[in-house]
Amino acid sequence: MVTQTLTTSKFGEYIKELRKERGLYQSDLATLINKSQTWINFLEQGTLKTMEVTTLVLMSKVLEVPVDDLLINLGLLEQKFGLLNVEPRLAKVLQDYDRKKQLALAKVLIKE
């Protein structure tokens, strides 16, 4: 089982917002991802400490959001490179640079 420590309630607030936008109750979401309503409540309140990766993937499908959106809100991914159609190896390298260096490199590549 792969888990990640959840460090803020920001992710829980994001899930709650997505759930409500889709007209789901906590019990609905719980049923759809094979968890209890209590588990969903803990998640939304920011008191849940771990989550299985398979649950994260299932949640992305049920809430109709890309997994990387969830990872960004969990604080595990800084930027969404998928929209840029960036080669994955390049995206991984760029992720290690701070924003200033990323922008400098972008200027060189597009010759501004």
PDB file of N, CA and C in Angstrom:
ATOM      1  N   MET A   1       0.834  -1.169   0.000  1.00  0.00           N
ATOM      2  CA  MET A   1       0.000   0.000   0.000  1.00  0.00           C
ATOM      3  C   MET A   1       0.885   1.239   0.000  1.00  0.00           C
ATOM      4  N   VAL A   2       0.630   2.166  -0.930  1.00  0.00           N
ATOM      5  CA  VAL A   2       1.366   3.414  -0.998  1.00  0.00           C
ATOM      6  C   VAL A   2       0.484   4.498  -0.412  1.00  0.00           C
ATOM      7  N   THR A   3       1.026   5.259   0.510  1.00  0.00           N
ATOM      8  CA  THR A   3       0.253   6.334   1.124  1.00  0.00           C
ATOM      9  C   THR A   3       1.063   7.607   1.125  1.00  0.00           C
ATOM     10  N   GLN A   4       0.385   8.718   1.335  1.00  0.00           N
ATOM     11  CA  GLN A   4       1.041  10.008   1.439  1.00  0.00           C
ATOM     12  C   GLN A   4       0.456  10.725   2.640  1.00  0.00           C
ATOM     13  N   THR A   5       1.302  11.342   3.446  1.00  0.00           N
ATOM     14  CA  THR A   5       0.812  12.106   4.576  1.00  0.00           C
ATOM     15  C   THR A   5       0.149  13.377   4.069  1.00  0.00           C
ATOM     16  N   LEU A   6      -1.076  13.607   4.524  1.00  0.00           N
ATOM     17  CA  LEU A   6      -1.805  14.816   4.161  1.00  0.00           C
ATOM     18  C   LEU A   6      -1.490  15.865   5.215  1.00  0.00           C
ATOM     19  N   THR A   7      -0.954  16.999   4.789  1.00  0.00           N
ATOM     20  CA  THR A   7      -0.449  17.951   5.763  1.00  0.00           C
ATOM     21  C   THR A   7      -1.349  19.161   5.976  1.00  0.00           C
ATOM     22  N   THR A   8      -2.310  19.423   5.104  1.00  0.00           N
ATOM     23  CA  THR A   8      -3.171  20.598   5.267  1.00  0.00           C
ATOM     24  C   THR A   8      -4.622  20.245   4.998  1.00  0.00           C
ATOM     25  N   SER A   9      -5.478  21.156   5.404  1.00  0.00           N
ATOM     26  CA  SER A   9      -6.894  20.970   5.118  1.00  0.00           C
ATOM     27  C   SER A   9      -7.254  21.526   3.746  1.00  0.00           C
ATOM     28  N   LYS A  10      -6.283  22.138   3.059  1.00  0.00           N
ATOM     29  CA  LYS A  10      -6.532  22.692   1.720  1.00  0.00           C
ATOM     30  C   LYS A  10      -7.079  21.608   0.791  1.00  0.00           C
ATOM     31  N   PHE A  11      -6.507  20.434   0.845  1.00  0.00           N
ATOM     32  CA  PHE A  11      -6.959  19.343  -0.015  1.00  0.00           C
ATOM     33  C   PHE A  11      -8.392  18.954   0.328  1.00  0.00           C
ATOM     34  N   GLY A  12      -8.708  18.865   1.609  1.00  0.00           N
ATOM     35  CA  GLY A  12     -10.060  18.525   2.038  1.00  0.00           C
ATOM     36  C   GLY A  12     -11.079  19.553   1.566  1.00  0.00           C
ATOM     37  N   GLU A  13     -10.707  20.817   1.645  1.00  0.00           N
ATOM     38  CA  GLU A  13     -11.593  21.882   1.172  1.00  0.00           C
ATOM     39  C   GLU A  13     -11.816  21.771  -0.334  1.00  0.00           C
ATOM     40  N   TYR A  14     -10.766  21.428  -1.062  1.00  0.00           N
ATOM     41  CA  TYR A  14     -10.857  21.257  -2.512  1.00  0.00           C
ATOM     42  C   TYR A  14     -11.801  20.100  -2.854  1.00  0.00           C
ATOM     43  N   ILE A  15     -11.663  18.990  -2.155  1.00  0.00           N
ATOM     44  CA  ILE A  15     -12.534  17.829  -2.391  1.00  0.00           C
ATOM     45  C   ILE A  15     -13.986  18.185  -2.067  1.00  0.00           C
ATOM     46  N   LYS A  16     -14.194  18.875  -0.978  1.00  0.00           N
ATOM     47  CA  LYS A  16     -15.546  19.281  -0.587  1.00  0.00           C
ATOM     48  C   LYS A  16     -16.175  20.160  -1.661  1.00  0.00           C
ATOM     49  N   GLU A  17     -15.408  21.097  -2.185  1.00  0.00           N
ATOM     50  CA  GLU A  17     -15.893  21.982  -3.242  1.00  0.00           C
ATOM     51  C   GLU A  17     -16.269  21.189  -4.499  1.00  0.00           C
ATOM     52  N   LEU A  18     -15.384  20.267  -4.910  1.00  0.00           N
ATOM     53  CA  LEU A  18     -15.664  19.439  -6.081  1.00  0.00           C
ATOM     54  C   LEU A  18     -16.915  18.586  -5.868  1.00  0.00           C
ATOM     55  N   ARG A  19     -17.015  18.001  -4.685  1.00  0.00           N
ATOM     56  CA  ARG A  19     -18.165  17.147  -4.362  1.00  0.00           C
ATOM     57  C   ARG A  19     -19.464  17.932  -4.463  1.00  0.00           C
ATOM     58  N   LYS A  20     -19.478  19.117  -3.883  1.00  0.00           N
ATOM     59  CA  LYS A  20     -20.687  19.939  -3.903  1.00  0.00           C
ATOM     60  C   LYS A  20     -21.027  20.414  -5.314  1.00  0.00           C
ATOM     61  N   GLU A  21     -19.998  20.759  -6.098  1.00  0.00           N
ATOM     62  CA  GLU A  21     -20.231  21.182  -7.486  1.00  0.00           C
ATOM     63  C   GLU A  21     -20.911  20.080  -8.294  1.00  0.00           C
ATOM     64  N   ARG A  22     -20.651  18.842  -7.931  1.00  0.00           N
ATOM     65  CA  ARG A  22     -21.230  17.709  -8.647  1.00  0.00           C
ATOM     66  C   ARG A  22     -22.532  17.221  -8.015  1.00  0.00           C
ATOM     67  N   GLY A  23     -22.982  17.941  -7.003  1.00  0.00           N
ATOM     68  CA  GLY A  23     -24.250  17.608  -6.366  1.00  0.00           C
ATOM     69  C   GLY A  23     -24.225  16.326  -5.556  1.00  0.00           C
ATOM     70  N   LEU A  24     -23.056  16.001  -5.004  1.00  0.00           N
ATOM     71  CA  LEU A  24     -22.906  14.777  -4.225  1.00  0.00           C
ATOM     72  C   LEU A  24     -22.893  15.081  -2.738  1.00  0.00           C
ATOM     73  N   TYR A  25     -23.520  14.214  -1.971  1.00  0.00           N
ATOM     74  CA  TYR A  25     -23.397  14.242  -0.516  1.00  0.00           C
ATOM     75  C   TYR A  25     -22.151  13.455  -0.141  1.00  0.00           C
ATOM     76  N   GLN A  26     -21.687  13.640   1.100  1.00  0.00           N
ATOM     77  CA  GLN A  26     -20.541  12.862   1.570  1.00  0.00           C
ATOM     78  C   GLN A  26     -20.816  11.366   1.420  1.00  0.00           C
ATOM     79  N   SER A  27     -22.021  10.956   1.734  1.00  0.00           N
ATOM     80  CA  SER A  27     -22.363   9.532   1.639  1.00  0.00           C
ATOM     81  C   SER A  27     -22.305   9.033   0.197  1.00  0.00           C
ATOM     82  N   ASP A  28     -22.676   9.889  -0.763  1.00  0.00           N
ATOM     83  CA  ASP A  28     -22.600   9.507  -2.180  1.00  0.00           C
ATOM     84  C   ASP A  28     -21.153   9.269  -2.596  1.00  0.00           C
ATOM     85  N   LEU A  29     -20.298  10.241  -2.269  1.00  0.00           N
ATOM     86  CA  LEU A  29     -18.883  10.113  -2.623  1.00  0.00           C
ATOM     87  C   LEU A  29     -18.272   8.898  -1.941  1.00  0.00           C
ATOM     88  N   ALA A  30     -18.612   8.701  -0.691  1.00  0.00           N
ATOM     89  CA  ALA A  30     -18.087   7.556   0.060  1.00  0.00           C
ATOM     90  C   ALA A  30     -18.437   6.243  -0.637  1.00  0.00           C
ATOM     91  N   THR A  31     -19.676   6.114  -1.045  1.00  0.00           N
ATOM     92  CA  THR A  31     -20.112   4.895  -1.732  1.00  0.00           C
ATOM     93  C   THR A  31     -19.363   4.704  -3.041  1.00  0.00           C
ATOM     94  N   LEU A  32     -19.192   5.792  -3.795  1.00  0.00           N
ATOM     95  CA  LEU A  32     -18.550   5.710  -5.109  1.00  0.00           C
ATOM     96  C   LEU A  32     -17.063   5.358  -5.045  1.00  0.00           C
ATOM     97  N   ILE A  33     -16.411   5.685  -3.922  1.00  0.00           N
ATOM     98  CA  ILE A  33     -14.981   5.371  -3.811  1.00  0.00           C
ATOM     99  C   ILE A  33     -14.704   4.290  -2.762  1.00  0.00           C
ATOM    100  N   ASN A  34     -15.756   3.614  -2.332  1.00  0.00           N
ATOM    101  CA  ASN A  34     -15.628   2.493  -1.392  1.00  0.00           C
ATOM    102  C   ASN A  34     -15.009   2.884  -0.048  1.00  0.00           C
ATOM    103  N   LYS A  35     -15.450   4.011   0.478  1.00  0.00           N
ATOM    104  CA  LYS A  35     -15.019   4.477   1.798  1.00  0.00           C
ATOM    105  C   LYS A  35     -16.255   4.774   2.633  1.00  0.00           C
ATOM    106  N   SER A  36     -16.068   5.074   3.895  1.00  0.00           N
ATOM    107  CA  SER A  36     -17.201   5.421   4.758  1.00  0.00           C
ATOM    108  C   SER A  36     -17.443   6.928   4.712  1.00  0.00           C
ATOM    109  N   GLN A  37     -18.629   7.329   5.121  1.00  0.00           N
ATOM    110  CA  GLN A  37     -18.933   8.755   5.192  1.00  0.00           C
ATOM    111  C   GLN A  37     -18.026   9.431   6.221  1.00  0.00           C
ATOM    112  N   THR A  38     -17.708   8.727   7.287  1.00  0.00           N
ATOM    113  CA  THR A  38     -16.796   9.251   8.303  1.00  0.00           C
ATOM    114  C   THR A  38     -15.430   9.539   7.695  1.00  0.00           C
ATOM    115  N   TRP A  39     -14.958   8.642   6.828  1.00  0.00           N
ATOM    116  CA  TRP A  39     -13.669   8.827   6.160  1.00  0.00           C
ATOM    117  C   TRP A  39     -13.699  10.100   5.330  1.00  0.00           C
ATOM    118  N   ILE A  40     -14.788  10.304   4.571  1.00  0.00           N
ATOM    119  CA  ILE A  40     -14.931  11.512   3.751  1.00  0.00           C
ATOM    120  C   ILE A  40     -14.944  12.748   4.645  1.00  0.00           C
ATOM    121  N   ASN A  41     -15.654  12.668   5.763  1.00  0.00           N
ATOM    122  CA  ASN A  41     -15.699  13.792   6.693  1.00  0.00           C
ATOM    123  C   ASN A  41     -14.304  14.122   7.221  1.00  0.00           C
ATOM    124  N   PHE A  42     -13.560  13.108   7.624  1.00  0.00           N
ATOM    125  CA  PHE A  42     -12.181  13.330   8.085  1.00  0.00           C
ATOM    126  C   PHE A  42     -11.333  13.972   6.989  1.00  0.00           C
ATOM    127  N   LEU A  43     -11.496  13.503   5.761  1.00  0.00           N
ATOM    128  CA  LEU A  43     -10.747  14.051   4.629  1.00  0.00           C
ATOM    129  C   LEU A  43     -11.065  15.534   4.455  1.00  0.00           C
ATOM    130  N   GLU A  44     -12.348  15.852   4.420  1.00  0.00           N
ATOM    131  CA  GLU A  44     -12.763  17.231   4.190  1.00  0.00           C
ATOM    132  C   GLU A  44     -12.392  18.165   5.339  1.00  0.00           C
ATOM    133  N   GLN A  45     -12.325  17.638   6.544  1.00  0.00           N
ATOM    134  CA  GLN A  45     -11.954  18.443   7.711  1.00  0.00           C
ATOM    135  C   GLN A  45     -10.436  18.588   7.859  1.00  0.00           C
ATOM    136  N   GLY A  46      -9.688  17.853   7.071  1.00  0.00           N
ATOM    137  CA  GLY A  46      -8.230  17.932   7.133  1.00  0.00           C
ATOM    138  C   GLY A  46      -7.622  17.106   8.239  1.00  0.00           C
ATOM    139  N   THR A  47      -8.388  16.167   8.800  1.00  0.00           N
ATOM    140  CA  THR A  47      -7.851  15.345   9.893  1.00  0.00           C
ATOM    141  C   THR A  47      -7.388  13.968   9.421  1.00  0.00           C
ATOM    142  N   LEU A  48      -7.629  13.650   8.163  1.00  0.00           N
ATOM    143  CA  LEU A  48      -7.165  12.377   7.607  1.00  0.00           C
ATOM    144  C   LEU A  48      -5.667  12.485   7.359  1.00  0.00           C
ATOM    145  N   LYS A  49      -4.911  11.502   7.792  1.00  0.00           N
ATOM    146  CA  LYS A  49      -3.451  11.589   7.704  1.00  0.00           C
ATOM    147  C   LYS A  49      -2.841  10.846   6.522  1.00  0.00           C
ATOM    148  N   THR A  50      -3.509   9.842   6.000  1.00  0.00           N
ATOM    149  CA  THR A  50      -2.960   9.098   4.862  1.00  0.00           C
ATOM    150  C   THR A  50      -4.070   8.753   3.877  1.00  0.00           C
ATOM    151  N   MET A  51      -3.647   8.450   2.651  1.00  0.00           N
ATOM    152  CA  MET A  51      -4.585   8.028   1.622  1.00  0.00           C
ATOM    153  C   MET A  51      -3.861   7.093   0.660  1.00  0.00           C
ATOM    154  N   GLU A  52      -4.553   6.040   0.253  1.00  0.00           N
ATOM    155  CA  GLU A  52      -3.986   5.128  -0.726  1.00  0.00           C
ATOM    156  C   GLU A  52      -4.018   5.784  -2.103  1.00  0.00           C
ATOM    157  N   VAL A  53      -2.994   5.515  -2.895  1.00  0.00           N
ATOM    158  CA  VAL A  53      -2.929   6.064  -4.243  1.00  0.00           C
ATOM    159  C   VAL A  53      -4.120   5.591  -5.070  1.00  0.00           C
ATOM    160  N   THR A  54      -4.533   4.347  -4.880  1.00  0.00           N
ATOM    161  CA  THR A  54      -5.687   3.838  -5.633  1.00  0.00           C
ATOM    162  C   THR A  54      -6.957   4.628  -5.303  1.00  0.00           C
ATOM    163  N   THR A  55      -7.090   5.079  -4.065  1.00  0.00           N
ATOM    164  CA  THR A  55      -8.233   5.903  -3.682  1.00  0.00           C
ATOM    165  C   THR A  55      -8.166   7.253  -4.376  1.00  0.00           C
ATOM    166  N   LEU A  56      -6.978   7.818  -4.461  1.00  0.00           N
ATOM    167  CA  LEU A  56      -6.784   9.094  -5.136  1.00  0.00           C
ATOM    168  C   LEU A  56      -7.185   8.989  -6.608  1.00  0.00           C
ATOM    169  N   VAL A  57      -6.778   7.913  -7.255  1.00  0.00           N
ATOM    170  CA  VAL A  57      -7.104   7.705  -8.669  1.00  0.00           C
ATOM    171  C   VAL A  57      -8.608   7.535  -8.846  1.00  0.00           C
ATOM    172  N   LEU A  58      -9.226   6.750  -7.996  1.00  0.00           N
ATOM    173  CA  LEU A  58     -10.672   6.541  -8.066  1.00  0.00           C
ATOM    174  C   LEU A  58     -11.419   7.851  -7.818  1.00  0.00           C
ATOM    175  N   MET A  59     -10.936   8.626  -6.863  1.00  0.00           N
ATOM    176  CA  MET A  59     -11.560   9.904  -6.556  1.00  0.00           C
ATOM    177  C   MET A  59     -11.481  10.844  -7.762  1.00  0.00           C
ATOM    178  N   SER A  60     -10.372  10.818  -8.471  1.00  0.00           N
ATOM    179  CA  SER A  60     -10.238  11.680  -9.651  1.00  0.00           C
ATOM    180  C   SER A  60     -11.258  11.300 -10.721  1.00  0.00           C
ATOM    181  N   LYS A  61     -11.519  10.018 -10.866  1.00  0.00           N
ATOM    182  CA  LYS A  61     -12.511   9.570 -11.842  1.00  0.00           C
ATOM    183  C   LYS A  61     -13.918   9.970 -11.425  1.00  0.00           C
ATOM    184  N   VAL A  62     -14.252   9.738 -10.179  1.00  0.00           N
ATOM    185  CA  VAL A  62     -15.590  10.041  -9.672  1.00  0.00           C
ATOM    186  C   VAL A  62     -15.865  11.550  -9.722  1.00  0.00           C
ATOM    187  N   LEU A  63     -14.867  12.356  -9.337  1.00  0.00           N
ATOM    188  CA  LEU A  63     -15.045  13.810  -9.315  1.00  0.00           C
ATOM    189  C   LEU A  63     -14.728  14.462 -10.656  1.00  0.00           C
ATOM    190  N   GLU A  64     -14.323  13.648 -11.617  1.00  0.00           N
ATOM    191  CA  GLU A  64     -14.060  14.096 -12.992  1.00  0.00           C
ATOM    192  C   GLU A  64     -13.004  15.196 -13.065  1.00  0.00           C
ATOM    193  N   VAL A  65     -11.900  14.959 -12.380  1.00  0.00           N
ATOM    194  CA  VAL A  65     -10.752  15.863 -12.433  1.00  0.00           C
ATOM    195  C   VAL A  65      -9.503  15.029 -12.670  1.00  0.00           C
ATOM    196  N   PRO A  66      -8.523  15.582 -13.362  1.00  0.00           N
ATOM    197  CA  PRO A  66      -7.274  14.841 -13.563  1.00  0.00           C
ATOM    198  C   PRO A  66      -6.564  14.567 -12.233  1.00  0.00           C
ATOM    199  N   VAL A  67      -5.879  13.460 -12.177  1.00  0.00           N
ATOM    200  CA  VAL A  67      -5.127  13.107 -10.966  1.00  0.00           C
ATOM    201  C   VAL A  67      -4.128  14.202 -10.622  1.00  0.00           C
ATOM    202  N   ASP A  68      -3.525  14.831 -11.636  1.00  0.00           N
ATOM    203  CA  ASP A  68      -2.535  15.856 -11.324  1.00  0.00           C
ATOM    204  C   ASP A  68      -3.169  17.060 -10.622  1.00  0.00           C
ATOM    205  N   ASP A  69      -4.449  17.356 -10.861  1.00  0.00           N
ATOM    206  CA  ASP A  69      -5.121  18.412 -10.099  1.00  0.00           C
ATOM    207  C   ASP A  69      -5.165  18.049  -8.619  1.00  0.00           C
ATOM    208  N   LEU A  70      -5.465  16.799  -8.342  1.00  0.00           N
ATOM    209  CA  LEU A  70      -5.492  16.358  -6.948  1.00  0.00           C
ATOM    210  C   LEU A  70      -4.096  16.411  -6.347  1.00  0.00           C
ATOM    211  N   LEU A  71      -3.095  15.996  -7.104  1.00  0.00           N
ATOM    212  CA  LEU A  71      -1.713  16.018  -6.611  1.00  0.00           C
ATOM    213  C   LEU A  71      -1.239  17.441  -6.347  1.00  0.00           C
ATOM    214  N   ILE A  72      -1.642  18.378  -7.190  1.00  0.00           N
ATOM    215  CA  ILE A  72      -1.287  19.784  -6.976  1.00  0.00           C
ATOM    216  C   ILE A  72      -1.901  20.277  -5.673  1.00  0.00           C
ATOM    217  N   ASN A  73      -3.167  19.940  -5.448  1.00  0.00           N
ATOM    218  CA  ASN A  73      -3.841  20.381  -4.231  1.00  0.00           C
ATOM    219  C   ASN A  73      -3.353  19.660  -2.982  1.00  0.00           C
ATOM    220  N   LEU A  74      -2.751  18.504  -3.159  1.00  0.00           N
ATOM    221  CA  LEU A  74      -2.124  17.800  -2.037  1.00  0.00           C
ATOM    222  C   LEU A  74      -0.741  18.364  -1.732  1.00  0.00           C
ATOM    223  N   GLY A  75      -0.221  19.165  -2.660  1.00  0.00           N
ATOM    224  CA  GLY A  75       1.109  19.729  -2.482  1.00  0.00           C
ATOM    225  C   GLY A  75       2.214  18.803  -2.953  1.00  0.00           C
ATOM    226  N   LEU A  76       1.856  17.793  -3.735  1.00  0.00           N
ATOM    227  CA  LEU A  76       2.852  16.841  -4.224  1.00  0.00           C
ATOM    228  C   LEU A  76       3.363  17.186  -5.618  1.00  0.00           C
ATOM    229  N   LEU A  77       2.714  18.120  -6.264  1.00  0.00           N
ATOM    230  CA  LEU A  77       3.085  18.526  -7.618  1.00  0.00           C
ATOM    231  C   LEU A  77       2.957  20.026  -7.672  1.00  0.00           C
ATOM    232  N   GLU A  78       4.016  20.696  -8.140  1.00  0.00           N
ATOM    233  CA  GLU A  78       3.999  22.154  -8.134  1.00  0.00           C
ATOM    234  C   GLU A  78       3.244  22.741  -9.301  1.00  0.00           C
ATOM    235  N   GLN A  79       3.412  22.178 -10.464  1.00  0.00           N
ATOM    236  CA  GLN A  79       2.809  22.756 -11.653  1.00  0.00           C
ATOM    237  C   GLN A  79       2.161  21.677 -12.488  1.00  0.00           C
ATOM    238  N   LYS A  80       1.288  22.108 -13.346  1.00  0.00           N
ATOM    239  CA  LYS A  80       0.589  21.187 -14.225  1.00  0.00           C
ATOM    240  C   LYS A  80       1.218  21.258 -15.607  1.00  0.00           C
ATOM    241  N   PHE A  81       2.165  20.369 -15.866  1.00  0.00           N
ATOM    242  CA  PHE A  81       2.846  20.372 -17.155  1.00  0.00           C
ATOM    243  C   PHE A  81       2.032  19.687 -18.238  1.00  0.00           C
ATOM    244  N   GLY A  82       1.077  18.856 -17.862  1.00  0.00           N
ATOM    245  CA  GLY A  82       0.287  18.127 -18.853  1.00  0.00           C
ATOM    246  C   GLY A  82      -0.375  19.033 -19.861  1.00  0.00           C
ATOM    247  N   LEU A  83      -0.853  20.192 -19.415  1.00  0.00           N
ATOM    248  CA  LEU A  83      -1.513  21.116 -20.317  1.00  0.00           C
ATOM    249  C   LEU A  83      -0.550  21.700 -21.337  1.00  0.00           C
ATOM    250  N   LEU A  84       0.709  21.720 -20.993  1.00  0.00           N
ATOM    251  CA  LEU A  84       1.707  22.274 -21.890  1.00  0.00           C
ATOM    252  C   LEU A  84       2.206  21.261 -22.913  1.00  0.00           C
ATOM    253  N   ASN A  85       1.788  20.020 -22.762  1.00  0.00           N
ATOM    254  CA  ASN A  85       2.233  18.942 -23.641  1.00  0.00           C
ATOM    255  C   ASN A  85       3.758  18.835 -23.646  1.00  0.00           C
ATOM    256  N   VAL A  86       4.338  18.891 -22.471  1.00  0.00           N
ATOM    257  CA  VAL A  86       5.786  18.833 -22.301  1.00  0.00           C
ATOM    258  C   VAL A  86       6.228  17.378 -22.199  1.00  0.00           C
ATOM    259  N   GLU A  87       7.354  17.081 -22.837  1.00  0.00           N
ATOM    260  CA  GLU A  87       7.970  15.769 -22.719  1.00  0.00           C
ATOM    261  C   GLU A  87       8.128  15.450 -21.227  1.00  0.00           C
ATOM    262  N   PRO A  88       7.643  14.295 -20.768  1.00  0.00           N
ATOM    263  CA  PRO A  88       7.676  13.976 -19.330  1.00  0.00           C
ATOM    264  C   PRO A  88       9.047  14.099 -18.680  1.00  0.00           C
ATOM    265  N   ARG A  89      10.098  13.691 -19.384  1.00  0.00           N
ATOM    266  CA  ARG A  89      11.437  13.793 -18.780  1.00  0.00           C
ATOM    267  C   ARG A  89      11.830  15.249 -18.578  1.00  0.00           C
ATOM    268  N   LEU A  90      11.463  16.104 -19.547  1.00  0.00           N
ATOM    269  CA  LEU A  90      11.759  17.531 -19.426  1.00  0.00           C
ATOM    270  C   LEU A  90      10.940  18.141 -18.293  1.00  0.00           C
ATOM    271  N   ALA A  91       9.679  17.754 -18.194  1.00  0.00           N
ATOM    272  CA  ALA A  91       8.814  18.264 -17.132  1.00  0.00           C
ATOM    273  C   ALA A  91       9.397  17.933 -15.763  1.00  0.00           C
ATOM    274  N   LYS A  92       9.927  16.714 -15.624  1.00  0.00           N
ATOM    275  CA  LYS A  92      10.510  16.303 -14.341  1.00  0.00           C
ATOM    276  C   LYS A  92      11.724  17.165 -13.995  1.00  0.00           C
ATOM    277  N   VAL A  93      12.555  17.449 -14.987  1.00  0.00           N
ATOM    278  CA  VAL A  93      13.731  18.293 -14.756  1.00  0.00           C
ATOM    279  C   VAL A  93      13.294  19.715 -14.421  1.00  0.00           C
ATOM    280  N   LEU A  94      12.327  20.252 -15.175  1.00  0.00           N
ATOM    281  CA  LEU A  94      11.858  21.616 -14.942  1.00  0.00           C
ATOM    282  C   LEU A  94      11.238  21.777 -13.558  1.00  0.00           C
ATOM    283  N   GLN A  95      10.612  20.741 -13.082  1.00  0.00           N
ATOM    284  CA  GLN A  95       9.960  20.781 -11.772  1.00  0.00           C
ATOM    285  C   GLN A  95      10.963  21.062 -10.664  1.00  0.00           C
ATOM    286  N   ASP A  96      12.226  20.678 -10.878  1.00  0.00           N
ATOM    287  CA  ASP A  96      13.255  20.893  -9.867  1.00  0.00           C
ATOM    288  C   ASP A  96      13.796  22.330  -9.859  1.00  0.00           C
ATOM    289  N   TYR A  97      13.519  23.095 -10.937  1.00  0.00           N
ATOM    290  CA  TYR A  97      13.967  24.486 -11.008  1.00  0.00           C
ATOM    291  C   TYR A  97      12.954  25.392 -10.339  1.00  0.00           C
ATOM    292  N   ASP A  98      13.449  26.488  -9.752  1.00  0.00           N
ATOM    293  CA  ASP A  98      12.505  27.462  -9.207  1.00  0.00           C
ATOM    294  C   ASP A  98      11.860  28.237 -10.363  1.00  0.00           C
ATOM    295  N   ARG A  99      10.807  28.958 -10.065  1.00  0.00           N
ATOM    296  CA  ARG A  99      10.027  29.651 -11.105  1.00  0.00           C
ATOM    297  C   ARG A  99      10.885  30.616 -11.927  1.00  0.00           C
ATOM    298  N   LYS A 100      11.784  31.329 -11.277  1.00  0.00           N
ATOM    299  CA  LYS A 100      12.642  32.303 -11.967  1.00  0.00           C
ATOM    300  C   LYS A 100      13.488  31.614 -13.037  1.00  0.00           C
ATOM    301  N   LYS A 101      14.080  30.472 -12.688  1.00  0.00           N
ATOM    302  CA  LYS A 101      14.892  29.729 -13.655  1.00  0.00           C
ATOM    303  C   LYS A 101      14.032  29.156 -14.780  1.00  0.00           C
ATOM    304  N   GLN A 102      12.826  28.709 -14.447  1.00  0.00           N
ATOM    305  CA  GLN A 102      11.919  28.183 -15.477  1.00  0.00           C
ATOM    306  C   GLN A 102      11.578  29.268 -16.492  1.00  0.00           C
ATOM    307  N   LEU A 103      11.284  30.483 -16.006  1.00  0.00           N
ATOM    308  CA  LEU A 103      10.943  31.581 -16.898  1.00  0.00           C
ATOM    309  C   LEU A 103      12.138  32.000 -17.752  1.00  0.00           C
ATOM    310  N   ALA A 104      13.322  32.009 -17.161  1.00  0.00           N
ATOM    311  CA  ALA A 104      14.527  32.346 -17.923  1.00  0.00           C
ATOM    312  C   ALA A 104      14.753  31.337 -19.039  1.00  0.00           C
ATOM    313  N   LEU A 105      14.589  30.065 -18.739  1.00  0.00           N
ATOM    314  CA  LEU A 105      14.747  29.029 -19.748  1.00  0.00           C
ATOM    315  C   LEU A 105      13.673  29.162 -20.836  1.00  0.00           C
ATOM    316  N   ALA A 106      12.463  29.457 -20.447  1.00  0.00           N
ATOM    317  CA  ALA A 106      11.379  29.631 -21.426  1.00  0.00           C
ATOM    318  C   ALA A 106      11.698  30.778 -22.390  1.00  0.00           C
ATOM    319  N   LYS A 107      12.237  31.879 -21.867  1.00  0.00           N
ATOM    320  CA  LYS A 107      12.597  33.021 -22.725  1.00  0.00           C
ATOM    321  C   LYS A 107      13.646  32.638 -23.745  1.00  0.00           C
ATOM    322  N   VAL A 108      14.626  31.849 -23.324  1.00  0.00           N
ATOM    323  CA  VAL A 108      15.673  31.398 -24.243  1.00  0.00           C
ATOM    324  C   VAL A 108      15.069  30.492 -25.313  1.00  0.00           C
ATOM    325  N   LEU A 109      14.221  29.572 -24.905  1.00  0.00           N
ATOM    326  CA  LEU A 109      13.637  28.614 -25.850  1.00  0.00           C
ATOM    327  C   LEU A 109      12.704  29.264 -26.862  1.00  0.00           C
ATOM    328  N   ILE A 110      11.975  30.304 -26.449  1.00  0.00           N
ATOM    329  CA  ILE A 110      11.073  30.935 -27.407  1.00  0.00           C
ATOM    330  C   ILE A 110      11.643  32.243 -27.961  1.00  0.00           C
ATOM    331  N   LYS A 111      12.888  32.528 -27.620  1.00  0.00           N
ATOM    332  CA  LYS A 111      13.670  33.647 -28.153  1.00  0.00           C
ATOM    333  C   LYS A 111      12.953  34.983 -28.038  1.00  0.00           C
ATOM    334  N   GLU A 112      12.543  35.303 -26.817  1.00  0.00           N
ATOM    335  CA  GLU A 112      11.907  36.613 -26.554  1.00  0.00           C
ATOM    336  C   GLU A 112      12.959  37.652 -26.342  1.00  0.00           C
TER     337      GLU A 112
END
